[in-house]
Amino acid sequence: MQVANSYLRASHHGTVGESVAESILNLPVNPIAILDIIPPQGPPVEVKTCQIWVKTEHTSNNRRRGRFNLVGSQHRTLCEKGGYYLFVLLDDDEKPIVASCLPASMIYHPSLQVENIRVSLCWSKVISPEVV
């Protein structure tokens, strides 16, 4: 599937990741809430999705590894509530390859602790490249 621009593509990837999350966890996703999944019992889950490779002009082979975008306020809320990230990695055809669920407290970046900015996290930091 080809999507017109990076924002639409990211939105599509998010929808794919949320669908994967619903099928794995058997819980509904609320894409407009601050956290995607708030189960009746247990910790909340935020779904993050990216593609394995992204086209770029800044490398010799014109591609780089995809990145998950984390938001400071969302990250702090997840940490306070003992929540998890469900990271979903997509192949070049935008099909799920692998998913990894990690406690939010295991993800550290100084900007996530105090600011409300987006932090870009390469997928290989949370999913072992050997499994892909």
Protein backbone atom coordinates (compact mmCIF):
# COMPACT_ATOMS: atom_id res chain seq x y z
CA MET A 1 0.00 0.00 0.00
CA GLN A 2 1.33 3.43 -0.90
CA VAL A 3 0.23 6.41 1.12
CA ALA A 4 0.55 10.02 -0.04
CA ASN A 5 2.69 11.57 2.70
CA SER A 6 4.56 10.68 5.87
CA TYR A 7 1.73 11.83 8.18
CA LEU A 8 -0.85 9.67 6.44
CA ARG A 9 1.62 6.78 6.37
CA ALA A 10 2.27 7.16 10.12
CA SER A 11 -1.47 7.24 10.78
CA HIS A 12 -1.91 4.07 8.71
CA HIS A 13 0.94 2.38 10.58
CA GLY A 14 -0.69 3.32 13.89
CA THR A 15 -3.96 1.74 12.76
CA VAL A 16 -2.14 -1.46 11.79
CA GLY A 17 -0.34 -1.56 15.15
CA GLU A 18 -3.57 -0.98 17.07
CA SER A 19 -5.22 -3.82 15.18
CA VAL A 20 -2.30 -6.10 16.10
CA ALA A 21 -2.60 -5.01 19.74
CA GLU A 22 -6.32 -5.79 19.84
CA SER A 23 -5.72 -9.25 18.41
CA ILE A 24 -2.83 -10.03 20.78
CA LEU A 25 -4.33 -8.60 23.97
CA ASN A 26 -8.01 -9.16 23.17
CA LEU A 27 -8.75 -5.66 24.50
CA PRO A 28 -10.18 -2.64 22.68
CA VAL A 29 -7.91 0.21 21.62
CA ASN A 30 -9.01 3.82 22.09
CA PRO A 31 -6.87 5.73 19.56
CA ILE A 32 -7.99 9.18 20.79
CA ALA A 33 -7.23 8.61 24.49
CA ILE A 34 -3.85 9.56 25.99
CA LEU A 35 -3.15 5.83 26.37
CA ASP A 36 -4.36 3.31 23.79
CA ILE A 37 -5.42 0.47 26.09
CA ILE A 38 -6.70 0.88 29.64
CA PRO A 39 -7.83 -2.56 30.77
CA PRO A 40 -10.41 -2.98 33.55
CA GLN A 41 -7.70 -4.71 35.55
CA GLY A 42 -3.98 -4.38 35.01
CA PRO A 43 -1.65 -1.73 33.69
CA PRO A 44 -2.28 0.48 30.63
CA VAL A 45 -0.62 -0.15 27.28
CA GLU A 46 0.49 2.32 24.63
CA VAL A 47 0.94 0.97 21.10
CA LYS A 48 3.80 2.30 18.98
CA THR A 49 4.33 1.23 15.38
CA CYS A 50 7.02 1.84 12.78
CA GLN A 51 8.29 0.39 9.54
CA ILE A 52 11.55 -1.58 9.44
CA TRP A 53 13.09 0.69 6.78
CA VAL A 54 12.37 4.31 5.87
CA LYS A 55 13.56 6.05 2.72
CA THR A 56 16.00 8.90 3.28
CA GLU A 57 18.47 10.89 1.22
CA HIS A 58 20.89 11.20 4.14
CA THR A 59 22.51 7.77 3.91
CA SER A 60 24.58 6.05 1.25
CA ASN A 61 21.90 3.40 0.62
CA ASN A 62 18.98 5.89 0.81
CA ARG A 63 17.31 4.21 3.76
CA ARG A 64 17.50 4.07 7.54
CA ARG A 65 15.87 2.02 10.26
CA GLY A 66 12.39 3.17 11.25
CA ARG A 67 11.75 4.89 14.54
CA PHE A 68 9.08 4.88 17.20
CA ASN A 69 7.98 8.33 18.40
CA LEU A 70 7.44 8.67 22.14
CA VAL A 71 5.80 11.68 23.81
CA GLY A 72 7.02 12.97 27.19
CA SER A 73 3.66 13.44 28.95
CA GLN A 74 2.39 10.11 27.67
CA HIS A 75 5.59 8.35 28.74
CA ARG A 76 5.45 9.81 32.26
CA THR A 77 1.79 8.78 32.61
CA LEU A 78 2.66 5.23 31.54
CA CYS A 79 5.53 5.09 34.03
CA GLU A 80 3.38 6.44 36.88
CA LYS A 81 0.72 3.80 36.21
CA GLY A 82 3.18 0.92 35.75
CA GLY A 83 2.23 0.72 32.07
CA TYR A 84 3.76 -0.90 29.02
CA TYR A 85 4.65 -0.08 25.45
CA LEU A 86 3.68 -2.55 22.76
CA PHE A 87 6.12 -1.90 19.92
CA VAL A 88 4.98 -3.25 16.54
CA LEU A 89 7.43 -3.47 13.65
CA LEU A 90 6.15 -3.54 10.06
CA ASP A 91 7.89 -4.86 6.94
CA ASP A 92 8.28 -2.91 3.69
CA ASP A 93 4.75 -3.95 2.69
CA GLU A 94 3.37 -2.57 5.98
CA LYS A 95 2.63 -6.03 7.38
CA PRO A 96 3.49 -6.84 11.01
CA ILE A 97 6.79 -8.68 11.46
CA VAL A 98 7.27 -8.75 15.23
CA ALA A 99 5.95 -7.13 18.40
CA SER A 100 7.72 -6.43 21.66
CA CYS A 101 6.06 -5.48 24.95
CA LEU A 102 8.23 -3.63 27.47
CA PRO A 103 7.55 -1.78 30.71
CA ALA A 104 7.61 1.96 30.08
CA SER A 105 10.04 2.31 32.98
CA MET A 106 12.68 0.45 30.91
CA ILE A 107 12.68 3.20 28.28
CA TYR A 108 14.84 6.16 29.24
CA HIS A 109 15.60 9.42 27.51
CA PRO A 110 16.27 12.65 29.47
CA SER A 111 13.71 14.66 27.48
CA LEU A 112 10.93 12.18 28.31
CA GLN A 113 11.41 12.85 32.01
CA VAL A 114 10.66 16.58 32.12
CA GLU A 115 9.51 17.88 28.76
CA ASN A 116 6.53 17.28 26.51
CA ILE A 117 8.43 16.69 23.32
CA ARG A 118 8.62 13.77 20.94
CA VAL A 119 11.62 11.49 21.17
CA SER A 120 12.51 9.32 18.21
CA LEU A 121 13.62 5.82 19.21
CA CYS A 122 15.18 3.47 16.65
CA TRP A 123 13.33 0.15 16.58
CA SER A 124 16.57 -1.78 17.17
CA LYS A 125 16.73 -0.26 20.68
CA VAL A 126 13.58 -2.16 21.75
CA ILE A 127 13.48 -5.11 19.34
CA SER A 128 16.50 -7.32 18.74
CA PRO A 129 17.60 -7.09 15.08
CA GLU A 130 18.35 -10.84 15.23
CA VAL A 131 14.62 -11.67 15.40
CA VAL A 132 13.83 -9.80 12.21
